[in-house]
PDB file of N, CA and C in Angstrom:
ATOM      1  N   UNK A   1       0.840  -1.187   0.000  1.00  0.00           N
ATOM      2  CA  UNK A   1       0.000   0.000   0.000  1.00  0.00           C
ATOM      3  C   UNK A   1       0.876   1.239   0.000  1.00  0.00           C
ATOM      4  N   UNK A   2       0.458   2.222  -0.801  1.00  0.00           N
ATOM      5  CA  UNK A   2       1.185   3.486  -0.805  1.00  0.00           C
ATOM      6  C   UNK A   2       0.193   4.628  -0.660  1.00  0.00           C
ATOM      7  N   UNK A   3       0.635   5.714  -0.059  1.00  0.00           N
ATOM      8  CA  UNK A   3      -0.239   6.875   0.080  1.00  0.00           C
ATOM      9  C   UNK A   3      -0.400   7.521  -1.282  1.00  0.00           C
ATOM     10  N   UNK A   4      -1.624   7.778  -1.668  1.00  0.00           N
ATOM     11  CA  UNK A   4      -1.939   8.325  -2.983  1.00  0.00           C
ATOM     12  C   UNK A   4      -2.035   9.838  -2.875  1.00  0.00           C
ATOM     13  N   UNK A   5      -1.230  10.555  -3.649  1.00  0.00           N
ATOM     14  CA  UNK A   5      -1.186  12.019  -3.567  1.00  0.00           C
ATOM     15  C   UNK A   5      -2.082  12.683  -4.604  1.00  0.00           C
ATOM     16  N   UNK A   6      -2.972  11.956  -5.213  1.00  0.00           N
ATOM     17  CA  UNK A   6      -3.764  12.521  -6.307  1.00  0.00           C
ATOM     18  C   UNK A   6      -5.130  13.033  -5.883  1.00  0.00           C
ATOM     19  N   UNK A   7      -5.283  13.349  -4.625  1.00  0.00           N
ATOM     20  CA  UNK A   7      -6.516  13.968  -4.156  1.00  0.00           C
ATOM     21  C   UNK A   7      -6.174  15.328  -3.585  1.00  0.00           C
ATOM     22  N   UNK A   8      -7.079  16.270  -3.763  1.00  0.00           N
ATOM     23  CA  UNK A   8      -6.831  17.626  -3.292  1.00  0.00           C
ATOM     24  C   UNK A   8      -8.003  18.107  -2.441  1.00  0.00           C
ATOM     25  N   UNK A   9      -7.679  18.791  -1.362  1.00  0.00           N
ATOM     26  CA  UNK A   9      -8.658  19.469  -0.537  1.00  0.00           C
ATOM     27  C   UNK A   9      -8.723  20.902  -1.051  1.00  0.00           C
ATOM     28  N   UNK A  10      -9.867  21.296  -1.580  1.00  0.00           N
ATOM     29  CA  UNK A  10      -9.987  22.606  -2.215  1.00  0.00           C
ATOM     30  C   UNK A  10     -10.207  23.737  -1.213  1.00  0.00           C
ATOM     31  N   UNK A  11     -10.790  23.419  -0.058  1.00  0.00           N
ATOM     32  CA  UNK A  11     -11.081  24.431   0.961  1.00  0.00           C
ATOM     33  C   UNK A  11     -11.099  23.729   2.314  1.00  0.00           C
ATOM     34  N   UNK A  12     -10.640  24.391   3.337  1.00  0.00           N
ATOM     35  CA  UNK A  12     -10.566  23.793   4.665  1.00  0.00           C
ATOM     36  C   UNK A  12     -11.891  23.329   5.234  1.00  0.00           C
ATOM     37  N   UNK A  13     -13.000  23.918   4.775  1.00  0.00           N
ATOM     38  CA  UNK A  13     -14.327  23.521   5.268  1.00  0.00           C
ATOM     39  C   UNK A  13     -14.928  22.359   4.481  1.00  0.00           C
ATOM     40  N   UNK A  14     -14.277  21.930   3.400  1.00  0.00           N
ATOM     41  CA  UNK A  14     -14.823  20.850   2.561  1.00  0.00           C
ATOM     42  C   UNK A  14     -14.842  19.521   3.312  1.00  0.00           C
ATOM     43  N   UNK A  15     -15.877  18.721   3.057  1.00  0.00           N
ATOM     44  CA  UNK A  15     -15.935  17.374   3.626  1.00  0.00           C
ATOM     45  C   UNK A  15     -15.696  16.307   2.561  1.00  0.00           C
ATOM     46  N   UNK A  16     -15.200  16.736   1.396  1.00  0.00           N
ATOM     47  CA  UNK A  16     -14.785  15.824   0.330  1.00  0.00           C
ATOM     48  C   UNK A  16     -13.432  16.271  -0.214  1.00  0.00           C
ATOM     49  N   UNK A  17     -12.710  15.314  -0.794  1.00  0.00           N
ATOM     50  CA  UNK A  17     -11.472  15.588  -1.517  1.00  0.00           C
ATOM     51  C   UNK A  17     -11.739  15.258  -2.973  1.00  0.00           C
ATOM     52  N   UNK A  18     -11.104  15.971  -3.885  1.00  0.00           N
ATOM     53  CA  UNK A  18     -11.324  15.800  -5.318  1.00  0.00           C
ATOM     54  C   UNK A  18     -10.141  15.051  -5.926  1.00  0.00           C
ATOM     55  N   UNK A  19     -10.471  14.094  -6.792  1.00  0.00           N
ATOM     56  CA  UNK A  19      -9.457  13.264  -7.436  1.00  0.00           C
ATOM     57  C   UNK A  19      -8.796  14.025  -8.587  1.00  0.00           C
ATOM     58  N   UNK A  20      -7.444  14.072  -8.589  1.00  0.00           N
ATOM     59  CA  UNK A  20      -6.681  14.746  -9.651  1.00  0.00           C
ATOM     60  C   UNK A  20      -6.088  13.761 -10.654  1.00  0.00           C
ATOM     61  N   UNK A  21      -6.036  12.473 -10.295  1.00  0.00           N
ATOM     62  CA  UNK A  21      -5.540  11.417 -11.184  1.00  0.00           C
ATOM     63  C   UNK A  21      -6.226  10.124 -10.771  1.00  0.00           C
ATOM     64  N   UNK A  22      -6.642   9.333 -11.738  1.00  0.00           N
ATOM     65  CA  UNK A  22      -7.390   8.103 -11.436  1.00  0.00           C
ATOM     66  C   UNK A  22      -6.704   7.320 -10.318  1.00  0.00           C
ATOM     67  N   UNK A  23      -7.507   6.850  -9.387  1.00  0.00           N
ATOM     68  CA  UNK A  23      -7.015   6.057  -8.258  1.00  0.00           C
ATOM     69  C   UNK A  23      -7.758   4.723  -8.257  1.00  0.00           C
ATOM     70  N   UNK A  24      -7.070   3.680  -7.867  1.00  0.00           N
ATOM     71  CA  UNK A  24      -7.635   2.333  -7.888  1.00  0.00           C
ATOM     72  C   UNK A  24      -8.104   1.899  -6.501  1.00  0.00           C
ATOM     73  N   UNK A  25      -9.067   0.989  -6.467  1.00  0.00           N
ATOM     74  CA  UNK A  25      -9.510   0.387  -5.212  1.00  0.00           C
ATOM     75  C   UNK A  25      -8.294  -0.236  -4.530  1.00  0.00           C
ATOM     76  N   UNK A  26      -8.225  -0.088  -3.226  1.00  0.00           N
ATOM     77  CA  UNK A  26      -7.116  -0.641  -2.460  1.00  0.00           C
ATOM     78  C   UNK A  26      -5.993   0.345  -2.210  1.00  0.00           C
ATOM     79  N   UNK A  27      -5.916   1.418  -2.997  1.00  0.00           N
ATOM     80  CA  UNK A  27      -4.901   2.446  -2.747  1.00  0.00           C
ATOM     81  C   UNK A  27      -5.276   3.191  -1.471  1.00  0.00           C
ATOM     82  N   UNK A  28      -4.271   3.784  -0.851  1.00  0.00           N
ATOM     83  CA  UNK A  28      -4.515   4.519   0.385  1.00  0.00           C
ATOM     84  C   UNK A  28      -4.320   6.010   0.176  1.00  0.00           C
ATOM     85  N   UNK A  29      -5.004   6.776   1.018  1.00  0.00           N
ATOM     86  CA  UNK A  29      -4.960   8.235   0.963  1.00  0.00           C
ATOM     87  C   UNK A  29      -4.771   8.748   2.385  1.00  0.00           C
ATOM     88  N   UNK A  30      -3.821   9.641   2.584  1.00  0.00           N
ATOM     89  CA  UNK A  30      -3.632  10.275   3.887  1.00  0.00           C
ATOM     90  C   UNK A  30      -4.567  11.470   3.983  1.00  0.00           C
ATOM     91  N   UNK A  31      -5.449  11.444   4.983  1.00  0.00           N
ATOM     92  CA  UNK A  31      -6.441  12.502   5.165  1.00  0.00           C
ATOM     93  C   UNK A  31      -6.528  12.836   6.651  1.00  0.00           C
ATOM     94  N   UNK A  32      -6.256  14.088   6.992  1.00  0.00           N
ATOM     95  CA  UNK A  32      -6.429  14.549   8.369  1.00  0.00           C
ATOM     96  C   UNK A  32      -5.818  13.592   9.392  1.00  0.00           C
ATOM     97  N   UNK A  33      -4.575  13.232   9.226  1.00  0.00           N
ATOM     98  CA  UNK A  33      -3.848  12.366  10.155  1.00  0.00           C
ATOM     99  C   UNK A  33      -4.386  10.939  10.220  1.00  0.00           C
ATOM    100  N   UNK A  34      -5.119  10.506   9.209  1.00  0.00           N
ATOM    101  CA  UNK A  34      -5.553   9.118   9.135  1.00  0.00           C
ATOM    102  C   UNK A  34      -5.288   8.585   7.731  1.00  0.00           C
ATOM    103  N   UNK A  35      -5.216   7.298   7.603  1.00  0.00           N
ATOM    104  CA  UNK A  35      -5.001   6.657   6.314  1.00  0.00           C
ATOM    105  C   UNK A  35      -6.294   5.961   5.916  1.00  0.00           C
ATOM    106  N   UNK A  36      -6.823   6.316   4.755  1.00  0.00           N
ATOM    107  CA  UNK A  36      -8.050   5.723   4.237  1.00  0.00           C
ATOM    108  C   UNK A  36      -7.720   4.805   3.076  1.00  0.00           C
ATOM    109  N   UNK A  37      -8.401   3.670   2.992  1.00  0.00           N
ATOM    110  CA  UNK A  37      -8.234   2.746   1.880  1.00  0.00           C
ATOM    111  C   UNK A  37      -9.430   2.896   0.953  1.00  0.00           C
ATOM    112  N   UNK A  38      -9.154   3.177  -0.319  1.00  0.00           N
ATOM    113  CA  UNK A  38     -10.233   3.342  -1.298  1.00  0.00           C
ATOM    114  C   UNK A  38     -10.917   2.004  -1.539  1.00  0.00           C
ATOM    115  N   UNK A  39     -12.242   2.005  -1.517  1.00  0.00           N
ATOM    116  CA  UNK A  39     -13.013   0.780  -1.714  1.00  0.00           C
ATOM    117  C   UNK A  39     -13.432   0.590  -3.159  1.00  0.00           C
ATOM    118  N   UNK A  40     -13.240   1.612  -3.975  1.00  0.00           N
ATOM    119  CA  UNK A  40     -13.596   1.522  -5.399  1.00  0.00           C
ATOM    120  C   UNK A  40     -12.658   2.428  -6.192  1.00  0.00           C
ATOM    121  N   UNK A  41     -12.551   2.201  -7.506  1.00  0.00           N
ATOM    122  CA  UNK A  41     -11.752   3.121  -8.321  1.00  0.00           C
ATOM    123  C   UNK A  41     -12.414   4.495  -8.347  1.00  0.00           C
ATOM    124  N   UNK A  42     -11.602   5.536  -8.426  1.00  0.00           N
ATOM    125  CA  UNK A  42     -12.109   6.916  -8.446  1.00  0.00           C
ATOM    126  C   UNK A  42     -11.560   7.605  -9.688  1.00  0.00           C
ATOM    127  N   UNK A  43     -12.456   8.189 -10.460  1.00  0.00           N
ATOM    128  CA  UNK A  43     -12.085   8.894 -11.690  1.00  0.00           C
ATOM    129  C   UNK A  43     -11.743  10.351 -11.391  1.00  0.00           C
ATOM    130  N   UNK A  44     -10.986  10.951 -12.268  1.00  0.00           N
ATOM    131  CA  UNK A  44     -10.624  12.364 -12.162  1.00  0.00           C
ATOM    132  C   UNK A  44     -11.890  13.213 -12.044  1.00  0.00           C
ATOM    133  N   UNK A  45     -11.872  14.130 -11.103  1.00  0.00           N
ATOM    134  CA  UNK A  45     -13.001  15.032 -10.894  1.00  0.00           C
ATOM    135  C   UNK A  45     -14.039  14.502  -9.920  1.00  0.00           C
ATOM    136  N   UNK A  46     -13.993  13.202  -9.632  1.00  0.00           N
ATOM    137  CA  UNK A  46     -14.925  12.643  -8.658  1.00  0.00           C
ATOM    138  C   UNK A  46     -14.379  12.912  -7.261  1.00  0.00           C
ATOM    139  N   UNK A  47     -15.171  12.619  -6.256  1.00  0.00           N
ATOM    140  CA  UNK A  47     -14.832  12.977  -4.887  1.00  0.00           C
ATOM    141  C   UNK A  47     -14.785  11.744  -3.986  1.00  0.00           C
ATOM    142  N   UNK A  48     -14.056  11.877  -2.866  1.00  0.00           N
ATOM    143  CA  UNK A  48     -14.143  10.900  -1.787  1.00  0.00           C
ATOM    144  C   UNK A  48     -14.503  11.646  -0.512  1.00  0.00           C
ATOM    145  N   UNK A  49     -15.158  10.931   0.397  1.00  0.00           N
ATOM    146  CA  UNK A  49     -15.541  11.517   1.672  1.00  0.00           C
ATOM    147  C   UNK A  49     -14.305  11.758   2.528  1.00  0.00           C
ATOM    148  N   UNK A  50     -14.208  12.939   3.078  1.00  0.00           N
ATOM    149  CA  UNK A  50     -13.097  13.292   3.980  1.00  0.00           C
ATOM    150  C   UNK A  50     -13.338  12.704   5.366  1.00  0.00           C
ATOM    151  N   UNK A  51     -14.595  12.539   5.711  1.00  0.00           N
ATOM    152  CA  UNK A  51     -15.022  11.947   6.986  1.00  0.00           C
ATOM    153  C   UNK A  51     -16.288  11.155   6.712  1.00  0.00           C
ATOM    154  N   UNK A  52     -16.777  10.410   7.689  1.00  0.00           N
ATOM    155  CA  UNK A  52     -18.033   9.685   7.511  1.00  0.00           C
ATOM    156  C   UNK A  52     -19.154  10.688   7.242  1.00  0.00           C
ATOM    157  N   UNK A  53     -20.010  10.349   6.288  1.00  0.00           N
ATOM    158  CA  UNK A  53     -21.149  11.194   5.923  1.00  0.00           C
ATOM    159  C   UNK A  53     -22.431  10.381   6.045  1.00  0.00           C
ATOM    160  N   UNK A  54     -23.509  11.033   6.441  1.00  0.00           N
ATOM    161  CA  UNK A  54     -24.803  10.378   6.616  1.00  0.00           C
ATOM    162  C   UNK A  54     -25.829  10.932   5.639  1.00  0.00           C
ATOM    163  N   UNK A  55     -26.897  10.176   5.431  1.00  0.00           N
ATOM    164  CA  UNK A  55     -27.990  10.637   4.577  1.00  0.00           C
ATOM    165  C   UNK A  55     -28.410  12.035   5.027  1.00  0.00           C
ATOM    166  N   UNK A  56     -28.548  12.937   4.074  1.00  0.00           N
ATOM    167  CA  UNK A  56     -28.978  14.302   4.362  1.00  0.00           C
ATOM    168  C   UNK A  56     -27.854  15.281   4.638  1.00  0.00           C
ATOM    169  N   UNK A  57     -26.646  14.783   4.927  1.00  0.00           N
ATOM    170  CA  UNK A  57     -25.520  15.695   5.152  1.00  0.00           C
ATOM    171  C   UNK A  57     -25.257  16.522   3.895  1.00  0.00           C
ATOM    172  N   UNK A  58     -24.978  17.791   4.089  1.00  0.00           N
ATOM    173  CA  UNK A  58     -24.578  18.661   2.982  1.00  0.00           C
ATOM    174  C   UNK A  58     -23.164  18.306   2.556  1.00  0.00           C
ATOM    175  N   UNK A  59     -22.907  18.351   1.258  1.00  0.00           N
ATOM    176  CA  UNK A  59     -21.576  18.142   0.716  1.00  0.00           C
ATOM    177  C   UNK A  59     -20.986  19.519   0.435  1.00  0.00           C
ATOM    178  N   UNK A  60     -19.780  19.756   0.959  1.00  0.00           N
ATOM    179  CA  UNK A  60     -19.101  21.034   0.761  1.00  0.00           C
ATOM    180  C   UNK A  60     -17.882  20.848  -0.124  1.00  0.00           C
ATOM    181  N   UNK A  61     -17.824  21.661  -1.185  1.00  0.00           N
ATOM    182  CA  UNK A  61     -16.707  21.697  -2.126  1.00  0.00           C
ATOM    183  C   UNK A  61     -16.429  23.172  -2.397  1.00  0.00           C
ATOM    184  N   UNK A  62     -15.177  23.576  -2.393  1.00  0.00           N
ATOM    185  CA  UNK A  62     -14.798  24.990  -2.479  1.00  0.00           C
ATOM    186  C   UNK A  62     -15.403  25.787  -1.330  1.00  0.00           C
ATOM    187  N   UNK A  63     -15.698  25.126  -0.205  1.00  0.00           N
ATOM    188  CA  UNK A  63     -16.262  25.803   0.953  1.00  0.00           C
ATOM    189  C   UNK A  63     -17.737  26.118   0.830  1.00  0.00           C
ATOM    190  N   UNK A  64     -18.378  25.660  -0.233  1.00  0.00           N
ATOM    191  CA  UNK A  64     -19.791  25.940  -0.473  1.00  0.00           C
ATOM    192  C   UNK A  64     -20.575  24.633  -0.606  1.00  0.00           C
ATOM    193  N   UNK A  65     -21.841  24.618  -0.170  1.00  0.00           N
ATOM    194  CA  UNK A  65     -22.644  23.410  -0.313  1.00  0.00           C
ATOM    195  C   UNK A  65     -22.962  23.154  -1.785  1.00  0.00           C
ATOM    196  N   UNK A  66     -22.757  21.906  -2.224  1.00  0.00           N
ATOM    197  CA  UNK A  66     -23.051  21.553  -3.626  1.00  0.00           C
ATOM    198  C   UNK A  66     -24.133  20.496  -3.740  1.00  0.00           C
ATOM    199  N   UNK A  67     -24.523  19.889  -2.628  1.00  0.00           N
ATOM    200  CA  UNK A  67     -25.536  18.848  -2.674  1.00  0.00           C
ATOM    201  C   UNK A  67     -25.697  18.202  -1.312  1.00  0.00           C
ATOM    202  N   UNK A  68     -26.480  17.113  -1.297  1.00  0.00           N
ATOM    203  CA  UNK A  68     -26.763  16.384  -0.064  1.00  0.00           C
ATOM    204  C   UNK A  68     -26.602  14.896  -0.302  1.00  0.00           C
ATOM    205  N   UNK A  69     -26.184  14.185   0.727  1.00  0.00           N
ATOM    206  CA  UNK A  69     -26.015  12.736   0.637  1.00  0.00           C
ATOM    207  C   UNK A  69     -27.376  12.045   0.568  1.00  0.00           C
ATOM    208  N   UNK A  70     -27.484  11.044  -0.303  1.00  0.00           N
ATOM    209  CA  UNK A  70     -28.702  10.237  -0.393  1.00  0.00           C
ATOM    210  C   UNK A  70     -28.508   8.872   0.262  1.00  0.00           C
ATOM    211  N   UNK A  71     -27.269   8.508   0.565  1.00  0.00           N
ATOM    212  CA  UNK A  71     -26.925   7.303   1.322  1.00  0.00           C
ATOM    213  C   UNK A  71     -25.758   7.646   2.238  1.00  0.00           C
ATOM    214  N   UNK A  72     -25.480   6.777   3.182  1.00  0.00           N
ATOM    215  CA  UNK A  72     -24.323   6.963   4.050  1.00  0.00           C
ATOM    216  C   UNK A  72     -23.047   6.645   3.281  1.00  0.00           C
ATOM    217  N   UNK A  73     -21.945   7.271   3.671  1.00  0.00           N
ATOM    218  CA  UNK A  73     -20.627   6.991   3.085  1.00  0.00           C
ATOM    219  C   UNK A  73     -19.592   7.071   4.198  1.00  0.00           C
ATOM    220  N   UNK A  74     -18.694   6.118   4.208  1.00  0.00           N
ATOM    221  CA  UNK A  74     -17.586   6.127   5.160  1.00  0.00           C
ATOM    222  C   UNK A  74     -16.462   7.008   4.617  1.00  0.00           C
ATOM    223  N   UNK A  75     -15.600   7.488   5.489  1.00  0.00           N
ATOM    224  CA  UNK A  75     -14.439   8.265   5.061  1.00  0.00           C
ATOM    225  C   UNK A  75     -13.661   7.450   4.033  1.00  0.00           C
ATOM    226  N   UNK A  76     -13.355   8.073   2.898  1.00  0.00           N
ATOM    227  CA  UNK A  76     -12.636   7.405   1.810  1.00  0.00           C
ATOM    228  C   UNK A  76     -13.530   6.824   0.743  1.00  0.00           C
ATOM    229  N   UNK A  77     -14.847   6.767   0.989  1.00  0.00           N
ATOM    230  CA  UNK A  77     -15.774   6.239  -0.021  1.00  0.00           C
ATOM    231  C   UNK A  77     -15.978   7.252  -1.151  1.00  0.00           C
ATOM    232  N   UNK A  78     -16.294   6.718  -2.320  1.00  0.00           N
ATOM    233  CA  UNK A  78     -16.610   7.501  -3.511  1.00  0.00           C
ATOM    234  C   UNK A  78     -17.874   8.316  -3.241  1.00  0.00           C
ATOM    235  N   UNK A  79     -17.842   9.606  -3.551  1.00  0.00           N
ATOM    236  CA  UNK A  79     -19.010  10.487  -3.436  1.00  0.00           C
ATOM    237  C   UNK A  79     -19.257  11.076  -4.809  1.00  0.00           C
ATOM    238  N   UNK A  80     -20.406  10.753  -5.381  1.00  0.00           N
ATOM    239  CA  UNK A  80     -20.770  11.253  -6.710  1.00  0.00           C
ATOM    240  C   UNK A  80     -22.285  11.115  -6.851  1.00  0.00           C
ATOM    241  N   UNK A  81     -22.792  11.177  -8.042  1.00  0.00           N
ATOM    242  CA  UNK A  81     -24.237  11.200  -8.258  1.00  0.00           C
ATOM    243  C   UNK A  81     -24.947   9.902  -7.845  1.00  0.00           C
ATOM    244  N   UNK A  82     -24.218   8.833  -7.592  1.00  0.00           N
ATOM    245  CA  UNK A  82     -24.856   7.594  -7.150  1.00  0.00           C
ATOM    246  C   UNK A  82     -25.231   7.633  -5.662  1.00  0.00           C
ATOM    247  N   UNK A  83     -24.650   8.565  -4.902  1.00  0.00           N
ATOM    248  CA  UNK A  83     -24.977   8.625  -3.482  1.00  0.00           C
ATOM    249  C   UNK A  83     -25.157  10.053  -2.960  1.00  0.00           C
ATOM    250  N   UNK A  84     -25.268  10.998  -3.880  1.00  0.00           N
ATOM    251  CA  UNK A  84     -25.581  12.376  -3.501  1.00  0.00           C
ATOM    252  C   UNK A  84     -26.488  12.990  -4.561  1.00  0.00           C
ATOM    253  N   UNK A  85     -27.154  14.045  -4.191  1.00  0.00           N
ATOM    254  CA  UNK A  85     -27.980  14.773  -5.154  1.00  0.00           C
ATOM    255  C   UNK A  85     -27.609  16.240  -5.104  1.00  0.00           C
ATOM    256  N   UNK A  86     -27.714  16.875  -6.240  1.00  0.00           N
ATOM    257  CA  UNK A  86     -27.477  18.309  -6.301  1.00  0.00           C
ATOM    258  C   UNK A  86     -28.624  19.023  -5.600  1.00  0.00           C
ATOM    259  N   UNK A  87     -28.309  20.060  -4.898  1.00  0.00           N
ATOM    260  CA  UNK A  87     -29.344  20.896  -4.301  1.00  0.00           C
ATOM    261  C   UNK A  87     -29.800  21.981  -5.272  1.00  0.00           C
ATOM    262  N   UNK A  88     -29.203  22.006  -6.467  1.00  0.00           N
ATOM    263  CA  UNK A  88     -29.459  23.085  -7.408  1.00  0.00           C
ATOM    264  C   UNK A  88     -29.940  22.610  -8.767  1.00  0.00           C
ATOM    265  N   UNK A  89     -29.555  21.404  -9.178  1.00  0.00           N
ATOM    266  CA  UNK A  89     -29.897  20.871 -10.493  1.00  0.00           C
ATOM    267  C   UNK A  89     -30.747  19.623 -10.292  1.00  0.00           C
ATOM    268  N   UNK A  90     -31.919  19.547 -10.932  1.00  0.00           N
ATOM    269  CA  UNK A  90     -32.839  18.444 -10.694  1.00  0.00           C
ATOM    270  C   UNK A  90     -32.433  17.145 -11.371  1.00  0.00           C
ATOM    271  N   UNK A  91     -31.623  17.193 -12.430  1.00  0.00           N
ATOM    272  CA  UNK A  91     -31.268  15.969 -13.140  1.00  0.00           C
ATOM    273  C   UNK A  91     -29.795  15.651 -12.936  1.00  0.00           C
ATOM    274  N   UNK A  92     -29.441  14.388 -13.153  1.00  0.00           N
ATOM    275  CA  UNK A  92     -28.047  13.976 -13.052  1.00  0.00           C
ATOM    276  C   UNK A  92     -27.242  14.399 -14.274  1.00  0.00           C
ATOM    277  N   UNK A  93     -27.916  14.798 -15.337  1.00  0.00           N
ATOM    278  CA  UNK A  93     -27.213  15.115 -16.568  1.00  0.00           C
ATOM    279  C   UNK A  93     -26.841  16.587 -16.678  1.00  0.00           C
ATOM    280  N   UNK A  94     -27.266  17.389 -15.727  1.00  0.00           N
ATOM    281  CA  UNK A  94     -27.017  18.837 -15.707  1.00  0.00           C
ATOM    282  C   UNK A  94     -27.739  19.571 -16.833  1.00  0.00           C
ATOM    283  N   UNK A  95     -28.666  18.881 -17.492  1.00  0.00           N
ATOM    284  CA  UNK A  95     -29.481  19.525 -18.519  1.00  0.00           C
ATOM    285  C   UNK A  95     -30.806  19.950 -17.911  1.00  0.00           C
ATOM    286  N   UNK A  96     -31.295  21.081 -18.323  1.00  0.00           N
ATOM    287  CA  UNK A  96     -32.569  21.572 -17.805  1.00  0.00           C
ATOM    288  C   UNK A  96     -33.692  20.655 -18.252  1.00  0.00           C
ATOM    289  N   UNK A  97     -34.651  20.472 -17.355  1.00  0.00           N
ATOM    290  CA  UNK A  97     -35.852  19.700 -17.707  1.00  0.00           C
ATOM    291  C   UNK A  97     -36.954  20.689 -18.036  1.00  0.00           C
ATOM    292  N   UNK A  98     -37.784  20.310 -18.958  1.00  0.00           N
ATOM    293  CA  UNK A  98     -38.898  21.171 -19.361  1.00  0.00           C
ATOM    294  C   UNK A  98     -40.200  20.505 -18.963  1.00  0.00           C
ATOM    295  N   UNK A  99     -41.122  21.290 -18.516  1.00  0.00           N
ATOM    296  CA  UNK A  99     -42.422  20.732 -18.241  1.00  0.00           C
ATOM    297  C   UNK A  99     -42.842  21.018 -16.910  1.00  0.00           C
TER     298      UNK A  99
END
């Protein structure tokens, strides 16, 4: 196991880290004086939980809320549209819905 340096904390208040280079399941990440093991591959631009998150928790990126958790996630788990929802955009495709 090696510590993976391809995640970035964009703001001190964020509860997610953003992936800067694809990371594989089983790789480790040093976060806030702890070592997290990734449970799934993470693509560039996707996020991992900085700490344990619960259903309804706000997700903070750049110090601003970007959505809410729809399922629980442990620290180091993948956070994306499969377990969070945007608080601003109704669809997962970021396209406006009509009707």
